Amino acid sequence: MNMKRRIKTTYISGPVSGLDREEAERRFRAAEKMIKERGEMPINPLGLCTDDMTYAECLREDIMTMLQSADKIYMLKGFEESPGADLELDVAEMCGLEVEYEED
């Protein structure tokens, strides 16, 4: 029997607020590239929100997308300093998503 293996989907989480926007985008793009290269489908939350959305609206959109689509969460370094990323980690753990941490 020929069964196809489903591609794992990985949600990227990390600090955005308080960082230079270009630096945050660079870090999320680098994680997205690495996840693609190992054969997984990345979800980059920086592309989920629009400029007219509030922080709360973005956070809700991000968490709903993570819960509906991701098998795993990838935590960028510095996530501990981000209340939003910390919340995403808590939700992911409570809902049984696999957790991976960016290495040094």
PDB file of N, CA and C in Angstrom:
ATOM      1  N   MET A   1       0.839  -1.170   0.000  1.00  0.00           N
ATOM      2  CA  MET A   1       0.000   0.000   0.000  1.00  0.00           C
ATOM      3  C   MET A   1       0.891   1.243   0.000  1.00  0.00           C
ATOM      4  N   ASN A   2       0.608   2.187  -0.865  1.00  0.00           N
ATOM      5  CA  ASN A   2       1.411   3.400  -0.997  1.00  0.00           C
ATOM      6  C   ASN A   2       0.757   4.535  -0.212  1.00  0.00           C
ATOM      7  N   MET A   3       1.292   4.799   0.979  1.00  0.00           N
ATOM      8  CA  MET A   3       0.735   5.872   1.796  1.00  0.00           C
ATOM      9  C   MET A   3       1.694   7.057   1.791  1.00  0.00           C
ATOM     10  N   LYS A   4       1.156   8.223   1.502  1.00  0.00           N
ATOM     11  CA  LYS A   4       1.972   9.433   1.519  1.00  0.00           C
ATOM     12  C   LYS A   4       2.074   9.954   2.942  1.00  0.00           C
ATOM     13  N   ARG A   5       3.271  10.364   3.310  1.00  0.00           N
ATOM     14  CA  ARG A   5       3.483  10.976   4.623  1.00  0.00           C
ATOM     15  C   ARG A   5       3.072  12.442   4.535  1.00  0.00           C
ATOM     16  N   ARG A   6       2.246  12.862   5.494  1.00  0.00           N
ATOM     17  CA  ARG A   6       1.806  14.248   5.523  1.00  0.00           C
ATOM     18  C   ARG A   6       2.967  15.136   5.958  1.00  0.00           C
ATOM     19  N   ILE A   7       3.112  16.262   5.314  1.00  0.00           N
ATOM     20  CA  ILE A   7       4.179  17.208   5.649  1.00  0.00           C
ATOM     21  C   ILE A   7       3.847  17.894   6.972  1.00  0.00           C
ATOM     22  N   LYS A   8       4.819  17.920   7.867  1.00  0.00           N
ATOM     23  CA  LYS A   8       4.652  18.578   9.166  1.00  0.00           C
ATOM     24  C   LYS A   8       4.610  20.091   8.964  1.00  0.00           C
ATOM     25  N   THR A   9       3.694  20.744   9.652  1.00  0.00           N
ATOM     26  CA  THR A   9       3.562  22.196   9.585  1.00  0.00           C
ATOM     27  C   THR A   9       4.076  22.795  10.885  1.00  0.00           C
ATOM     28  N   THR A  10       4.967  23.787  10.756  1.00  0.00           N
ATOM     29  CA  THR A  10       5.639  24.384  11.909  1.00  0.00           C
ATOM     30  C   THR A  10       5.351  25.881  11.977  1.00  0.00           C
ATOM     31  N   TYR A  11       4.779  26.292  13.094  1.00  0.00           N
ATOM     32  CA  TYR A  11       4.483  27.699  13.358  1.00  0.00           C
ATOM     33  C   TYR A  11       5.709  28.345  14.010  1.00  0.00           C
ATOM     34  N   ILE A  12       6.135  29.496  13.506  1.00  0.00           N
ATOM     35  CA  ILE A  12       7.303  30.203  14.031  1.00  0.00           C
ATOM     36  C   ILE A  12       6.838  31.237  15.051  1.00  0.00           C
ATOM     37  N   SER A  13       7.450  31.225  16.224  1.00  0.00           N
ATOM     38  CA  SER A  13       7.092  32.159  17.282  1.00  0.00           C
ATOM     39  C   SER A  13       8.348  32.825  17.820  1.00  0.00           C
ATOM     40  N   GLY A  14       8.245  34.113  18.091  1.00  0.00           N
ATOM     41  CA  GLY A  14       9.381  34.829  18.651  1.00  0.00           C
ATOM     42  C   GLY A  14       9.064  36.283  18.857  1.00  0.00           C
ATOM     43  N   PRO A  15      10.026  37.021  19.377  1.00  0.00           N
ATOM     44  CA  PRO A  15       9.796  38.432  19.660  1.00  0.00           C
ATOM     45  C   PRO A  15       9.680  39.263  18.384  1.00  0.00           C
ATOM     46  N   VAL A  16       8.728  40.189  18.399  1.00  0.00           N
ATOM     47  CA  VAL A  16       8.554  41.142  17.299  1.00  0.00           C
ATOM     48  C   VAL A  16       8.494  42.551  17.876  1.00  0.00           C
ATOM     49  N   SER A  17       7.554  42.775  18.796  1.00  0.00           N
ATOM     50  CA  SER A  17       7.414  44.090  19.431  1.00  0.00           C
ATOM     51  C   SER A  17       8.700  44.421  20.174  1.00  0.00           C
ATOM     52  N   GLY A  18       9.131  45.662  20.030  1.00  0.00           N
ATOM     53  CA  GLY A  18      10.341  46.084  20.718  1.00  0.00           C
ATOM     54  C   GLY A  18      11.607  45.843  19.920  1.00  0.00           C
ATOM     55  N   LEU A  19      11.502  45.060  18.844  1.00  0.00           N
ATOM     56  CA  LEU A  19      12.662  44.842  17.965  1.00  0.00           C
ATOM     57  C   LEU A  19      12.533  45.743  16.749  1.00  0.00           C
ATOM     58  N   ASP A  20      13.661  46.029  16.127  1.00  0.00           N
ATOM     59  CA  ASP A  20      13.647  46.681  14.833  1.00  0.00           C
ATOM     60  C   ASP A  20      12.877  45.768  13.876  1.00  0.00           C
ATOM     61  N   ARG A  21      11.906  46.313  13.157  1.00  0.00           N
ATOM     62  CA  ARG A  21      11.048  45.494  12.289  1.00  0.00           C
ATOM     63  C   ARG A  21      11.868  44.700  11.266  1.00  0.00           C
ATOM     64  N   GLU A  22      12.882  45.321  10.684  1.00  0.00           N
ATOM     65  CA  GLU A  22      13.716  44.619   9.698  1.00  0.00           C
ATOM     66  C   GLU A  22      14.453  43.447  10.326  1.00  0.00           C
ATOM     67  N   GLU A  23      14.933  43.634  11.547  1.00  0.00           N
ATOM     68  CA  GLU A  23      15.631  42.544  12.246  1.00  0.00           C
ATOM     69  C   GLU A  23      14.664  41.405  12.552  1.00  0.00           C
ATOM     70  N   ALA A  24      13.472  41.726  13.017  1.00  0.00           N
ATOM     71  CA  ALA A  24      12.464  40.696  13.288  1.00  0.00           C
ATOM     72  C   ALA A  24      12.127  39.944  12.002  1.00  0.00           C
ATOM     73  N   GLU A  25      11.900  40.665  10.923  1.00  0.00           N
ATOM     74  CA  GLU A  25      11.583  40.019   9.645  1.00  0.00           C
ATOM     75  C   GLU A  25      12.722  39.120   9.181  1.00  0.00           C
ATOM     76  N   ARG A  26      13.963  39.569   9.352  1.00  0.00           N
ATOM     77  CA  ARG A  26      15.128  38.765   8.958  1.00  0.00           C
ATOM     78  C   ARG A  26      15.167  37.455   9.745  1.00  0.00           C
ATOM     79  N   ARG A  27      14.938  37.530  11.049  1.00  0.00           N
ATOM     80  CA  ARG A  27      14.978  36.331  11.894  1.00  0.00           C
ATOM     81  C   ARG A  27      13.860  35.351  11.533  1.00  0.00           C
ATOM     82  N   PHE A  28      12.657  35.858  11.303  1.00  0.00           N
ATOM     83  CA  PHE A  28      11.538  34.985  10.941  1.00  0.00           C
ATOM     84  C   PHE A  28      11.752  34.377   9.551  1.00  0.00           C
ATOM     85  N   ARG A  29      12.287  35.167   8.598  1.00  0.00           N
ATOM     86  CA  ARG A  29      12.565  34.628   7.249  1.00  0.00           C
ATOM     87  C   ARG A  29      13.636  33.538   7.301  1.00  0.00           C
ATOM     88  N   ALA A  30      14.671  33.728   8.122  1.00  0.00           N
ATOM     89  CA  ALA A  30      15.728  32.720   8.256  1.00  0.00           C
ATOM     90  C   ALA A  30      15.145  31.423   8.818  1.00  0.00           C
ATOM     91  N   ALA A  31      14.273  31.530   9.810  1.00  0.00           N
ATOM     92  CA  ALA A  31      13.632  30.334  10.381  1.00  0.00           C
ATOM     93  C   ALA A  31      12.742  29.670   9.329  1.00  0.00           C
ATOM     94  N   GLU A  32      12.004  30.476   8.589  1.00  0.00           N
ATOM     95  CA  GLU A  32      11.130  29.959   7.534  1.00  0.00           C
ATOM     96  C   GLU A  32      11.942  29.167   6.494  1.00  0.00           C
ATOM     97  N   LYS A  33      13.072  29.712   6.093  1.00  0.00           N
ATOM     98  CA  LYS A  33      13.951  29.050   5.114  1.00  0.00           C
ATOM     99  C   LYS A  33      14.468  27.721   5.658  1.00  0.00           C
ATOM    100  N   MET A  34      14.938  27.710   6.907  1.00  0.00           N
ATOM    101  CA  MET A  34      15.466  26.497   7.513  1.00  0.00           C
ATOM    102  C   MET A  34      14.382  25.417   7.602  1.00  0.00           C
ATOM    103  N   ILE A  35      13.186  25.805   7.990  1.00  0.00           N
ATOM    104  CA  ILE A  35      12.081  24.852   8.123  1.00  0.00           C
ATOM    105  C   ILE A  35      11.724  24.266   6.757  1.00  0.00           C
ATOM    106  N   LYS A  36      11.678  25.094   5.721  1.00  0.00           N
ATOM    107  CA  LYS A  36      11.409  24.608   4.357  1.00  0.00           C
ATOM    108  C   LYS A  36      12.491  23.635   3.903  1.00  0.00           C
ATOM    109  N   GLU A  37      13.757  23.974   4.196  1.00  0.00           N
ATOM    110  CA  GLU A  37      14.879  23.144   3.749  1.00  0.00           C
ATOM    111  C   GLU A  37      14.848  21.749   4.359  1.00  0.00           C
ATOM    112  N   ARG A  38      14.270  21.593   5.515  1.00  0.00           N
ATOM    113  CA  ARG A  38      14.193  20.262   6.114  1.00  0.00           C
ATOM    114  C   ARG A  38      12.879  19.553   5.773  1.00  0.00           C
ATOM    115  N   GLY A  39      12.116  20.131   4.867  1.00  0.00           N
ATOM    116  CA  GLY A  39      10.941  19.449   4.337  1.00  0.00           C
ATOM    117  C   GLY A  39       9.647  19.680   5.092  1.00  0.00           C
ATOM    118  N   GLU A  40       9.614  20.713   5.916  1.00  0.00           N
ATOM    119  CA  GLU A  40       8.394  21.056   6.650  1.00  0.00           C
ATOM    120  C   GLU A  40       7.781  22.308   6.038  1.00  0.00           C
ATOM    121  N   MET A  41       6.506  22.529   6.345  1.00  0.00           N
ATOM    122  CA  MET A  41       5.790  23.710   5.870  1.00  0.00           C
ATOM    123  C   MET A  41       5.784  24.748   6.989  1.00  0.00           C
ATOM    124  N   PRO A  42       6.452  25.907   6.793  1.00  0.00           N
ATOM    125  CA  PRO A  42       6.465  26.920   7.838  1.00  0.00           C
ATOM    126  C   PRO A  42       5.219  27.804   7.809  1.00  0.00           C
ATOM    127  N   ILE A  43       4.837  28.286   8.986  1.00  0.00           N
ATOM    128  CA  ILE A  43       3.827  29.339   9.093  1.00  0.00           C
ATOM    129  C   ILE A  43       4.542  30.523   9.719  1.00  0.00           C
ATOM    130  N   ASN A  44       4.695  31.591   8.938  1.00  0.00           N
ATOM    131  CA  ASN A  44       5.347  32.802   9.415  1.00  0.00           C
ATOM    132  C   ASN A  44       4.251  33.790   9.811  1.00  0.00           C
ATOM    133  N   PRO A  45       4.060  34.031  11.113  1.00  0.00           N
ATOM    134  CA  PRO A  45       2.965  34.889  11.548  1.00  0.00           C
ATOM    135  C   PRO A  45       3.105  36.345  11.114  1.00  0.00           C
ATOM    136  N   LEU A  46       4.290  36.757  10.691  1.00  0.00           N
ATOM    137  CA  LEU A  46       4.455  38.139  10.247  1.00  0.00           C
ATOM    138  C   LEU A  46       3.638  38.426   8.993  1.00  0.00           C
ATOM    139  N   GLY A  47       3.220  37.383   8.300  1.00  0.00           N
ATOM    140  CA  GLY A  47       2.398  37.577   7.108  1.00  0.00           C
ATOM    141  C   GLY A  47       0.906  37.433   7.362  1.00  0.00           C
ATOM    142  N   LEU A  48       0.523  37.205   8.606  1.00  0.00           N
ATOM    143  CA  LEU A  48      -0.888  36.955   8.915  1.00  0.00           C
ATOM    144  C   LEU A  48      -1.676  38.217   9.240  1.00  0.00           C
ATOM    145  N   CYS A  49      -1.001  39.264   9.662  1.00  0.00           N
ATOM    146  CA  CYS A  49      -1.686  40.466  10.123  1.00  0.00           C
ATOM    147  C   CYS A  49      -1.494  41.620   9.140  1.00  0.00           C
ATOM    148  N   THR A  50      -2.443  42.532   9.168  1.00  0.00           N
ATOM    149  CA  THR A  50      -2.357  43.738   8.348  1.00  0.00           C
ATOM    150  C   THR A  50      -2.083  44.936   9.245  1.00  0.00           C
ATOM    151  N   ASP A  51      -1.652  46.021   8.646  1.00  0.00           N
ATOM    152  CA  ASP A  51      -1.286  47.222   9.405  1.00  0.00           C
ATOM    153  C   ASP A  51      -2.444  47.818  10.193  1.00  0.00           C
ATOM    154  N   ASP A  52      -3.677  47.556   9.749  1.00  0.00           N
ATOM    155  CA  ASP A  52      -4.828  48.149  10.433  1.00  0.00           C
ATOM    156  C   ASP A  52      -5.340  47.295  11.597  1.00  0.00           C
ATOM    157  N   MET A  53      -4.705  46.150  11.847  1.00  0.00           N
ATOM    158  CA  MET A  53      -5.127  45.283  12.949  1.00  0.00           C
ATOM    159  C   MET A  53      -4.460  45.700  14.250  1.00  0.00           C
ATOM    160  N   THR A  54      -5.197  45.584  15.358  1.00  0.00           N
ATOM    161  CA  THR A  54      -4.617  45.870  16.670  1.00  0.00           C
ATOM    162  C   THR A  54      -3.725  44.700  17.088  1.00  0.00           C
ATOM    163  N   TYR A  55      -2.943  44.928  18.132  1.00  0.00           N
ATOM    164  CA  TYR A  55      -2.093  43.863  18.678  1.00  0.00           C
ATOM    165  C   TYR A  55      -2.952  42.660  19.075  1.00  0.00           C
ATOM    166  N   ALA A  56      -4.068  42.917  19.768  1.00  0.00           N
ATOM    167  CA  ALA A  56      -4.951  41.833  20.211  1.00  0.00           C
ATOM    168  C   ALA A  56      -5.533  41.062  19.023  1.00  0.00           C
ATOM    169  N   GLU A  57      -5.926  41.772  17.979  1.00  0.00           N
ATOM    170  CA  GLU A  57      -6.463  41.105  16.788  1.00  0.00           C
ATOM    171  C   GLU A  57      -5.398  40.227  16.137  1.00  0.00           C
ATOM    172  N   CYS A  58      -4.178  40.732  16.060  1.00  0.00           N
ATOM    173  CA  CYS A  58      -3.075  39.945  15.485  1.00  0.00           C
ATOM    174  C   CYS A  58      -2.791  38.710  16.321  1.00  0.00           C
ATOM    175  N   LEU A  59      -2.754  38.877  17.623  1.00  0.00           N
ATOM    176  CA  LEU A  59      -2.476  37.749  18.500  1.00  0.00           C
ATOM    177  C   LEU A  59      -3.546  36.674  18.348  1.00  0.00           C
ATOM    178  N   ARG A  60      -4.811  37.082  18.285  1.00  0.00           N
ATOM    179  CA  ARG A  60      -5.891  36.107  18.085  1.00  0.00           C
ATOM    180  C   ARG A  60      -5.752  35.398  16.741  1.00  0.00           C
ATOM    181  N   GLU A  61      -5.450  36.156  15.696  1.00  0.00           N
ATOM    182  CA  GLU A  61      -5.267  35.569  14.358  1.00  0.00           C
ATOM    183  C   GLU A  61      -4.113  34.563  14.374  1.00  0.00           C
ATOM    184  N   ASP A  62      -2.999  34.958  14.994  1.00  0.00           N
ATOM    185  CA  ASP A  62      -1.827  34.088  15.056  1.00  0.00           C
ATOM    186  C   ASP A  62      -2.142  32.784  15.793  1.00  0.00           C
ATOM    187  N   ILE A  63      -2.766  32.900  16.961  1.00  0.00           N
ATOM    188  CA  ILE A  63      -3.051  31.709  17.766  1.00  0.00           C
ATOM    189  C   ILE A  63      -4.072  30.814  17.079  1.00  0.00           C
ATOM    190  N   MET A  64      -5.093  31.411  16.459  1.00  0.00           N
ATOM    191  CA  MET A  64      -6.078  30.582  15.736  1.00  0.00           C
ATOM    192  C   MET A  64      -5.415  29.835  14.588  1.00  0.00           C
ATOM    193  N   THR A  65      -4.550  30.513  13.847  1.00  0.00           N
ATOM    194  CA  THR A  65      -3.854  29.872  12.736  1.00  0.00           C
ATOM    195  C   THR A  65      -2.964  28.751  13.247  1.00  0.00           C
ATOM    196  N   MET A  66      -2.218  29.019  14.326  1.00  0.00           N
ATOM    197  CA  MET A  66      -1.346  28.002  14.907  1.00  0.00           C
ATOM    198  C   MET A  66      -2.162  26.764  15.295  1.00  0.00           C
ATOM    199  N   LEU A  67      -3.263  26.965  15.991  1.00  0.00           N
ATOM    200  CA  LEU A  67      -4.060  25.835  16.466  1.00  0.00           C
ATOM    201  C   LEU A  67      -4.737  25.073  15.331  1.00  0.00           C
ATOM    202  N   GLN A  68      -5.174  25.785  14.308  1.00  0.00           N
ATOM    203  CA  GLN A  68      -5.871  25.127  13.204  1.00  0.00           C
ATOM    204  C   GLN A  68      -4.920  24.421  12.231  1.00  0.00           C
ATOM    205  N   SER A  69      -3.677  24.897  12.143  1.00  0.00           N
ATOM    206  CA  SER A  69      -2.819  24.423  11.059  1.00  0.00           C
ATOM    207  C   SER A  69      -1.504  23.773  11.461  1.00  0.00           C
ATOM    208  N   ALA A  70      -1.000  24.051  12.653  1.00  0.00           N
ATOM    209  CA  ALA A  70       0.361  23.611  12.995  1.00  0.00           C
ATOM    210  C   ALA A  70       0.392  22.300  13.767  1.00  0.00           C
ATOM    211  N   ASP A  71       1.451  21.536  13.507  1.00  0.00           N
ATOM    212  CA  ASP A  71       1.764  20.323  14.262  1.00  0.00           C
ATOM    213  C   ASP A  71       2.790  20.634  15.343  1.00  0.00           C
ATOM    214  N   LYS A  72       3.476  21.761  15.149  1.00  0.00           N
ATOM    215  CA  LYS A  72       4.676  22.039  15.926  1.00  0.00           C
ATOM    216  C   LYS A  72       4.847  23.548  16.030  1.00  0.00           C
ATOM    217  N   ILE A  73       5.545  23.994  17.077  1.00  0.00           N
ATOM    218  CA  ILE A  73       5.897  25.407  17.216  1.00  0.00           C
ATOM    219  C   ILE A  73       7.415  25.508  17.331  1.00  0.00           C
ATOM    220  N   TYR A  74       7.992  26.473  16.626  1.00  0.00           N
ATOM    221  CA  TYR A  74       9.432  26.713  16.637  1.00  0.00           C
ATOM    222  C   TYR A  74       9.674  28.048  17.335  1.00  0.00           C
ATOM    223  N   MET A  75      10.346  28.005  18.485  1.00  0.00           N
ATOM    224  CA  MET A  75      10.558  29.182  19.310  1.00  0.00           C
ATOM    225  C   MET A  75      11.907  29.829  18.995  1.00  0.00           C
ATOM    226  N   LEU A  76      11.848  31.069  18.503  1.00  0.00           N
ATOM    227  CA  LEU A  76      13.069  31.823  18.242  1.00  0.00           C
ATOM    228  C   LEU A  76      13.700  32.292  19.550  1.00  0.00           C
ATOM    229  N   LYS A  77      15.017  32.447  19.545  1.00  0.00           N
ATOM    230  CA  LYS A  77      15.721  32.948  20.728  1.00  0.00           C
ATOM    231  C   LYS A  77      15.123  34.287  21.147  1.00  0.00           C
ATOM    232  N   GLY A  78      15.023  34.490  22.451  1.00  0.00           N
ATOM    233  CA  GLY A  78      14.480  35.725  22.977  1.00  0.00           C
ATOM    234  C   GLY A  78      12.983  35.689  23.206  1.00  0.00           C
ATOM    235  N   PHE A  79      12.353  34.543  22.930  1.00  0.00           N
ATOM    236  CA  PHE A  79      10.893  34.456  23.079  1.00  0.00           C
ATOM    237  C   PHE A  79      10.450  34.764  24.507  1.00  0.00           C
ATOM    238  N   GLU A  80      11.343  34.504  25.466  1.00  0.00           N
ATOM    239  CA  GLU A  80      11.006  34.709  26.881  1.00  0.00           C
ATOM    240  C   GLU A  80      10.707  36.176  27.188  1.00  0.00           C
ATOM    241  N   GLU A  81      11.231  37.070  26.365  1.00  0.00           N
ATOM    242  CA  GLU A  81      11.043  38.508  26.560  1.00  0.00           C
ATOM    243  C   GLU A  81       9.783  39.016  25.860  1.00  0.00           C
ATOM    244  N   SER A  82       9.077  38.134  25.190  1.00  0.00           N
ATOM    245  CA  SER A  82       7.897  38.522  24.420  1.00  0.00           C
ATOM    246  C   SER A  82       6.639  37.922  25.041  1.00  0.00           C
ATOM    247  N   PRO A  83       5.754  38.758  25.585  1.00  0.00           N
ATOM    248  CA  PRO A  83       4.517  38.221  26.158  1.00  0.00           C
ATOM    249  C   PRO A  83       3.680  37.439  25.139  1.00  0.00           C
ATOM    250  N   GLY A  84       3.663  37.902  23.886  1.00  0.00           N
ATOM    251  CA  GLY A  84       2.900  37.205  22.846  1.00  0.00           C
ATOM    252  C   GLY A  84       3.476  35.834  22.532  1.00  0.00           C
ATOM    253  N   ALA A  85       4.793  35.759  22.369  1.00  0.00           N
ATOM    254  CA  ALA A  85       5.437  34.476  22.077  1.00  0.00           C
ATOM    255  C   ALA A  85       5.309  33.528  23.261  1.00  0.00           C
ATOM    256  N   ASP A  86       5.412  34.073  24.456  1.00  0.00           N
ATOM    257  CA  ASP A  86       5.255  33.261  25.667  1.00  0.00           C
ATOM    258  C   ASP A  86       3.846  32.663  25.734  1.00  0.00           C
ATOM    259  N   LEU A  87       2.839  33.463  25.387  1.00  0.00           N
ATOM    260  CA  LEU A  87       1.460  32.972  25.347  1.00  0.00           C
ATOM    261  C   LEU A  87       1.295  31.897  24.276  1.00  0.00           C
ATOM    262  N   GLU A  88       1.881  32.127  23.088  1.00  0.00           N
ATOM    263  CA  GLU A  88       1.798  31.123  22.021  1.00  0.00           C
ATOM    264  C   GLU A  88       2.405  29.803  22.481  1.00  0.00           C
ATOM    265  N   LEU A  89       3.526  29.862  23.187  1.00  0.00           N
ATOM    266  CA  LEU A  89       4.159  28.642  23.705  1.00  0.00           C
ATOM    267  C   LEU A  89       3.239  27.944  24.709  1.00  0.00           C
ATOM    268  N   ASP A  90       2.677  28.698  25.631  1.00  0.00           N
ATOM    269  CA  ASP A  90       1.769  28.103  26.620  1.00  0.00           C
ATOM    270  C   ASP A  90       0.597  27.407  25.934  1.00  0.00           C
ATOM    271  N   VAL A  91      -0.014  28.064  24.967  1.00  0.00           N
ATOM    272  CA  VAL A  91      -1.163  27.498  24.253  1.00  0.00           C
ATOM    273  C   VAL A  91      -0.726  26.246  23.487  1.00  0.00           C
ATOM    274  N   ALA A  92       0.411  26.332  22.806  1.00  0.00           N
ATOM    275  CA  ALA A  92       0.911  25.184  22.034  1.00  0.00           C
ATOM    276  C   ALA A  92       1.151  23.978  22.939  1.00  0.00           C
ATOM    277  N   GLU A  93       1.806  24.213  24.081  1.00  0.00           N
ATOM    278  CA  GLU A  93       2.080  23.110  25.009  1.00  0.00           C
ATOM    279  C   GLU A  93       0.780  22.517  25.556  1.00  0.00           C
ATOM    280  N   MET A  94      -0.145  23.369  25.945  1.00  0.00           N
ATOM    281  CA  MET A  94      -1.413  22.888  26.520  1.00  0.00           C
ATOM    282  C   MET A  94      -2.246  22.112  25.501  1.00  0.00           C
ATOM    283  N   CYS A  95      -2.052  22.430  24.219  1.00  0.00           N
ATOM    284  CA  CYS A  95      -2.832  21.780  23.166  1.00  0.00           C
ATOM    285  C   CYS A  95      -2.072  20.631  22.502  1.00  0.00           C
ATOM    286  N   GLY A  96      -0.904  20.292  23.040  1.00  0.00           N
ATOM    287  CA  GLY A  96      -0.185  19.111  22.581  1.00  0.00           C
ATOM    288  C   GLY A  96       0.669  19.266  21.348  1.00  0.00           C
ATOM    289  N   LEU A  97       0.994  20.500  20.955  1.00  0.00           N
ATOM    290  CA  LEU A  97       1.891  20.676  19.814  1.00  0.00           C
ATOM    291  C   LEU A  97       3.319  20.355  20.241  1.00  0.00           C
ATOM    292  N   GLU A  98       4.069  19.804  19.336  1.00  0.00           N
ATOM    293  CA  GLU A  98       5.493  19.569  19.556  1.00  0.00           C
ATOM    294  C   GLU A  98       6.178  20.938  19.651  1.00  0.00           C
ATOM    295  N   VAL A  99       7.209  21.054  20.485  1.00  0.00           N
ATOM    296  CA  VAL A  99       7.920  22.316  20.667  1.00  0.00           C
ATOM    297  C   VAL A  99       9.381  22.115  20.310  1.00  0.00           C
ATOM    298  N   GLU A 100       9.920  23.064  19.536  1.00  0.00           N
ATOM    299  CA  GLU A 100      11.341  23.069  19.187  1.00  0.00           C
ATOM    300  C   GLU A 100      11.886  24.461  19.481  1.00  0.00           C
ATOM    301  N   TYR A 101      13.112  24.525  19.990  1.00  0.00           N
ATOM    302  CA  TYR A 101      13.727  25.788  20.344  1.00  0.00           C
ATOM    303  C   TYR A 101      14.908  26.065  19.410  1.00  0.00           C
ATOM    304  N   GLU A 102      15.041  27.319  18.981  1.00  0.00           N
ATOM    305  CA  GLU A 102      16.189  27.732  18.164  1.00  0.00           C
ATOM    306  C   GLU A 102      17.460  27.526  18.980  1.00  0.00           C
ATOM    307  N   GLU A 103      18.453  26.949  18.364  1.00  0.00           N
ATOM    308  CA  GLU A 103      19.721  26.699  19.042  1.00  0.00           C
ATOM    309  C   GLU A 103      20.667  27.864  18.829  1.00  0.00           C
ATOM    310  N   ASP A 104      21.675  27.952  19.678  1.00  0.00           N
ATOM    311  CA  ASP A 104      22.682  29.023  19.567  1.00  0.00           C
ATOM    312  C   ASP A 104      23.542  28.849  18.337  1.00  0.00           C
TER     313      ASP A 104
END
